[in-house]
Amino acid sequence: MSEESALKGQEKEVEHIDDNLKAAGQICHEMKQPLMISMGFLDLLLLETAEIQPMSGKLNSIRSQIQRLSALTEKLMNLIHQQTATHSITEDEKS
C-alpha cells in the first residue's frame, strides 16, 4: 500500500469519526429538549397533586428517571466534546 493511499484511508477514517461525533451530539441535543419539557410538565403535576400521596410518589419516581436520563445525556455530551477537542488537536498536529 502506498503512502498516498494510506493517507486517503486515514482521511476517510477521520471523516467517519467526525460524522459519528456530530451525529451523537445532535442526538443528545434532540433528547435534551423533550426531557426538559417532560420535567417541566411533571413539576407542574407534582404541584397540583402534592396532597395525593400515591400519585405524588409515582410522579416523583418518573421525575427521578427523567433526571437520570438528563444526567446520562449530559455525560455523553461532555464525552463528545472531549473527543471532538482531542480529535481537533490531533488533526492540527498533523497539519
N, C-alpha and C. Protein backbone atom coordinates (compact mmCIF):
# COMPACT_ATOMS: atom_id res chain seq x y z
N MET A 1 0.85 -1.17 0.00
CA MET A 1 0.00 0.00 0.00
C MET A 1 0.90 1.24 0.00
N SER A 2 0.61 2.15 -0.89
CA SER A 2 1.44 3.35 -0.97
C SER A 2 1.10 4.31 0.16
N GLU A 3 2.00 5.23 0.37
CA GLU A 3 1.80 6.24 1.42
C GLU A 3 0.58 7.10 1.11
N GLU A 4 0.37 7.39 -0.15
CA GLU A 4 -0.78 8.21 -0.56
C GLU A 4 -2.10 7.52 -0.27
N SER A 5 -2.19 6.24 -0.58
CA SER A 5 -3.44 5.52 -0.31
C SER A 5 -3.64 5.33 1.20
N ALA A 6 -2.56 5.21 1.95
CA ALA A 6 -2.68 5.11 3.40
C ALA A 6 -3.22 6.42 3.97
N LEU A 7 -2.74 7.54 3.44
CA LEU A 7 -3.23 8.85 3.89
C LEU A 7 -4.70 9.03 3.54
N LYS A 8 -5.10 8.59 2.36
CA LYS A 8 -6.51 8.68 1.96
C LYS A 8 -7.38 7.84 2.90
N GLY A 9 -6.88 6.67 3.26
CA GLY A 9 -7.62 5.82 4.20
C GLY A 9 -7.77 6.48 5.55
N GLN A 10 -6.71 7.13 6.01
CA GLN A 10 -6.76 7.84 7.29
C GLN A 10 -7.72 9.01 7.22
N GLU A 11 -7.73 9.73 6.10
CA GLU A 11 -8.64 10.85 5.93
C GLU A 11 -10.10 10.39 5.99
N LYS A 12 -10.37 9.27 5.34
CA LYS A 12 -11.73 8.72 5.37
C LYS A 12 -12.12 8.32 6.79
N GLU A 13 -11.17 7.74 7.50
CA GLU A 13 -11.44 7.33 8.88
C GLU A 13 -11.73 8.56 9.76
N VAL A 14 -10.95 9.61 9.56
CA VAL A 14 -11.15 10.86 10.31
C VAL A 14 -12.52 11.44 9.99
N GLU A 15 -12.91 11.45 8.72
CA GLU A 15 -14.22 11.95 8.33
C GLU A 15 -15.33 11.13 8.98
N HIS A 16 -15.14 9.82 9.01
CA HIS A 16 -16.13 8.92 9.63
C HIS A 16 -16.27 9.22 11.12
N ILE A 17 -15.15 9.42 11.80
CA ILE A 17 -15.18 9.76 13.22
C ILE A 17 -15.88 11.09 13.44
N ASP A 18 -15.54 12.08 12.60
CA ASP A 18 -16.19 13.39 12.71
C ASP A 18 -17.70 13.27 12.53
N ASP A 19 -18.11 12.52 11.52
CA ASP A 19 -19.54 12.33 11.27
C ASP A 19 -20.23 11.67 12.46
N ASN A 20 -19.59 10.66 13.04
CA ASN A 20 -20.18 9.98 14.20
C ASN A 20 -20.28 10.90 15.41
N LEU A 21 -19.26 11.70 15.64
CA LEU A 21 -19.30 12.64 16.76
C LEU A 21 -20.40 13.68 16.57
N LYS A 22 -20.53 14.18 15.34
CA LYS A 22 -21.59 15.15 15.06
C LYS A 22 -22.97 14.53 15.26
N ALA A 23 -23.15 13.32 14.77
CA ALA A 23 -24.43 12.63 14.92
C ALA A 23 -24.77 12.40 16.39
N ALA A 24 -23.79 11.97 17.16
CA ALA A 24 -24.02 11.74 18.59
C ALA A 24 -24.37 13.04 19.29
N GLY A 25 -23.71 14.12 18.93
CA GLY A 25 -24.02 15.42 19.52
C GLY A 25 -25.43 15.87 19.18
N GLN A 26 -25.85 15.66 17.94
CA GLN A 26 -27.20 16.03 17.52
C GLN A 26 -28.25 15.20 18.25
N ILE A 27 -27.96 13.93 18.43
CA ILE A 27 -28.90 13.06 19.15
C ILE A 27 -29.06 13.54 20.59
N CYS A 28 -27.95 13.85 21.25
CA CYS A 28 -28.02 14.35 22.63
C CYS A 28 -28.81 15.64 22.70
N HIS A 29 -28.55 16.52 21.76
CA HIS A 29 -29.27 17.80 21.74
C HIS A 29 -30.78 17.57 21.56
N GLU A 30 -31.12 16.68 20.64
CA GLU A 30 -32.53 16.38 20.39
C GLU A 30 -33.20 15.69 21.59
N MET A 31 -32.46 14.92 22.34
CA MET A 31 -33.01 14.25 23.52
C MET A 31 -33.25 15.23 24.66
N LYS A 32 -32.42 16.24 24.74
CA LYS A 32 -32.47 17.17 25.87
C LYS A 32 -33.78 17.95 25.93
N GLN A 33 -34.26 18.44 24.79
CA GLN A 33 -35.48 19.24 24.79
C GLN A 33 -36.70 18.47 25.30
N PRO A 34 -37.00 17.27 24.78
CA PRO A 34 -38.16 16.55 25.31
C PRO A 34 -38.02 16.21 26.80
N LEU A 35 -36.79 15.94 27.23
CA LEU A 35 -36.59 15.65 28.65
C LEU A 35 -36.92 16.87 29.51
N MET A 36 -36.48 18.04 29.07
CA MET A 36 -36.73 19.26 29.84
C MET A 36 -38.21 19.62 29.84
N ILE A 37 -38.87 19.43 28.71
CA ILE A 37 -40.31 19.69 28.64
C ILE A 37 -41.06 18.73 29.55
N SER A 38 -40.67 17.46 29.51
CA SER A 38 -41.30 16.46 30.38
C SER A 38 -41.11 16.82 31.85
N MET A 39 -39.89 17.26 32.18
CA MET A 39 -39.61 17.64 33.56
C MET A 39 -40.47 18.83 33.99
N GLY A 40 -40.63 19.80 33.10
CA GLY A 40 -41.46 20.97 33.42
C GLY A 40 -42.91 20.59 33.68
N PHE A 41 -43.48 19.78 32.80
CA PHE A 41 -44.87 19.35 33.00
C PHE A 41 -45.01 18.49 34.25
N LEU A 42 -44.03 17.66 34.49
CA LEU A 42 -44.06 16.80 35.68
C LEU A 42 -44.01 17.64 36.95
N ASP A 43 -43.19 18.68 36.97
CA ASP A 43 -43.14 19.56 38.14
C ASP A 43 -44.48 20.24 38.38
N LEU A 44 -45.16 20.63 37.30
CA LEU A 44 -46.50 21.23 37.45
C LEU A 44 -47.48 20.20 38.02
N LEU A 45 -47.41 18.98 37.53
CA LEU A 45 -48.28 17.92 38.06
C LEU A 45 -48.00 17.66 39.54
N LEU A 46 -46.74 17.68 39.91
CA LEU A 46 -46.39 17.46 41.32
C LEU A 46 -46.95 18.56 42.21
N LEU A 47 -46.93 19.78 41.71
CA LEU A 47 -47.50 20.89 42.50
C LEU A 47 -49.01 20.70 42.68
N GLU A 48 -49.68 20.25 41.62
CA GLU A 48 -51.13 20.08 41.66
C GLU A 48 -51.56 18.85 42.46
N THR A 49 -50.71 17.85 42.58
CA THR A 49 -51.10 16.60 43.23
C THR A 49 -50.34 16.35 44.53
N ALA A 50 -49.77 17.39 45.10
CA ALA A 50 -48.94 17.23 46.30
C ALA A 50 -49.70 16.54 47.44
N GLU A 51 -51.00 16.77 47.54
CA GLU A 51 -51.76 16.18 48.64
C GLU A 51 -52.20 14.75 48.37
N ILE A 52 -52.08 14.28 47.17
CA ILE A 52 -52.47 12.91 46.82
C ILE A 52 -51.21 12.04 46.87
N GLN A 53 -50.97 11.42 48.00
CA GLN A 53 -49.72 10.70 48.26
C GLN A 53 -49.39 9.62 47.23
N PRO A 54 -50.31 8.70 46.90
CA PRO A 54 -49.94 7.66 45.94
C PRO A 54 -49.54 8.25 44.57
N MET A 55 -50.26 9.25 44.13
CA MET A 55 -49.98 9.89 42.84
C MET A 55 -48.64 10.63 42.91
N SER A 56 -48.42 11.32 43.99
CA SER A 56 -47.19 12.09 44.16
C SER A 56 -45.96 11.18 44.15
N GLY A 57 -46.07 10.04 44.80
CA GLY A 57 -44.96 9.09 44.84
C GLY A 57 -44.61 8.56 43.45
N LYS A 58 -45.62 8.24 42.67
CA LYS A 58 -45.40 7.74 41.31
C LYS A 58 -44.79 8.83 40.43
N LEU A 59 -45.28 10.03 40.57
CA LEU A 59 -44.75 11.15 39.79
C LEU A 59 -43.29 11.43 40.17
N ASN A 60 -42.98 11.30 41.45
CA ASN A 60 -41.60 11.51 41.88
C ASN A 60 -40.68 10.42 41.32
N SER A 61 -41.20 9.21 41.17
CA SER A 61 -40.41 8.14 40.55
C SER A 61 -40.13 8.46 39.08
N ILE A 62 -41.14 8.96 38.38
CA ILE A 62 -40.95 9.36 36.99
C ILE A 62 -39.93 10.50 36.92
N ARG A 63 -40.05 11.46 37.81
CA ARG A 63 -39.13 12.60 37.84
C ARG A 63 -37.68 12.13 38.05
N SER A 64 -37.51 11.18 38.93
CA SER A 64 -36.19 10.63 39.19
C SER A 64 -35.58 10.00 37.94
N GLN A 65 -36.39 9.28 37.18
CA GLN A 65 -35.90 8.64 35.97
C GLN A 65 -35.59 9.66 34.86
N ILE A 66 -36.38 10.72 34.79
CA ILE A 66 -36.09 11.79 33.82
C ILE A 66 -34.78 12.46 34.19
N GLN A 67 -34.55 12.70 35.48
CA GLN A 67 -33.29 13.30 35.92
C GLN A 67 -32.12 12.38 35.57
N ARG A 68 -32.32 11.10 35.72
CA ARG A 68 -31.28 10.13 35.39
C ARG A 68 -30.93 10.17 33.90
N LEU A 69 -31.96 10.21 33.05
CA LEU A 69 -31.73 10.32 31.61
C LEU A 69 -31.03 11.64 31.26
N SER A 70 -31.42 12.71 31.92
CA SER A 70 -30.78 14.01 31.68
C SER A 70 -29.30 13.96 32.05
N ALA A 71 -28.99 13.34 33.16
CA ALA A 71 -27.59 13.22 33.60
C ALA A 71 -26.78 12.38 32.61
N LEU A 72 -27.37 11.29 32.13
CA LEU A 72 -26.68 10.45 31.14
C LEU A 72 -26.43 11.22 29.84
N THR A 73 -27.42 11.99 29.42
CA THR A 73 -27.28 12.79 28.21
C THR A 73 -26.17 13.82 28.38
N GLU A 74 -26.12 14.44 29.56
CA GLU A 74 -25.08 15.43 29.85
C GLU A 74 -23.69 14.79 29.84
N LYS A 75 -23.57 13.61 30.43
CA LYS A 75 -22.29 12.90 30.43
C LYS A 75 -21.85 12.56 29.00
N LEU A 76 -22.81 12.12 28.19
CA LEU A 76 -22.50 11.79 26.81
C LEU A 76 -22.06 13.04 26.04
N MET A 77 -22.73 14.16 26.27
CA MET A 77 -22.33 15.42 25.61
C MET A 77 -20.92 15.82 26.01
N ASN A 78 -20.60 15.68 27.29
CA ASN A 78 -19.25 16.00 27.75
C ASN A 78 -18.21 15.10 27.09
N LEU A 79 -18.52 13.83 26.97
CA LEU A 79 -17.62 12.89 26.31
C LEU A 79 -17.42 13.27 24.85
N ILE A 80 -18.49 13.62 24.19
CA ILE A 80 -18.42 14.03 22.78
C ILE A 80 -17.54 15.27 22.64
N HIS A 81 -17.73 16.25 23.53
CA HIS A 81 -16.92 17.47 23.48
C HIS A 81 -15.44 17.14 23.70
N GLN A 82 -15.16 16.26 24.64
CA GLN A 82 -13.77 15.87 24.89
C GLN A 82 -13.17 15.18 23.67
N GLN A 83 -13.92 14.27 23.07
CA GLN A 83 -13.44 13.55 21.89
C GLN A 83 -13.24 14.50 20.71
N THR A 84 -14.17 15.44 20.55
CA THR A 84 -14.05 16.41 19.47
C THR A 84 -12.81 17.27 19.66
N ALA A 85 -12.58 17.72 20.90
CA ALA A 85 -11.40 18.54 21.18
C ALA A 85 -10.12 17.74 20.96
N THR A 86 -10.08 16.51 21.43
CA THR A 86 -8.91 15.66 21.25
C THR A 86 -8.67 15.40 19.77
N HIS A 87 -9.74 15.13 19.05
CA HIS A 87 -9.64 14.86 17.62
C HIS A 87 -9.14 16.10 16.88
N SER A 88 -9.62 17.28 17.25
CA SER A 88 -9.19 18.53 16.61
C SER A 88 -7.71 18.79 16.86
N ILE A 89 -7.26 18.54 18.10
CA ILE A 89 -5.85 18.73 18.43
C ILE A 89 -4.99 17.80 17.59
N THR A 90 -5.39 16.54 17.47
CA THR A 90 -4.66 15.56 16.70
C THR A 90 -4.59 15.98 15.22
N GLU A 91 -5.69 16.48 14.69
CA GLU A 91 -5.72 16.93 13.29
C GLU A 91 -4.83 18.14 13.10
N ASP A 92 -4.81 19.07 14.06
CA ASP A 92 -3.96 20.25 13.97
C ASP A 92 -2.49 19.87 13.96
N GLU A 93 -2.15 18.85 14.75
CA GLU A 93 -0.76 18.39 14.82
C GLU A 93 -0.31 17.77 13.50
N LYS A 94 -1.25 17.15 12.78
CA LYS A 94 -0.92 16.52 11.50
C LYS A 94 -0.65 17.56 10.42
N SER A 95 -1.30 18.71 10.55
CA SER A 95 -1.17 19.76 9.51
C SER A 95 0.19 20.39 9.49
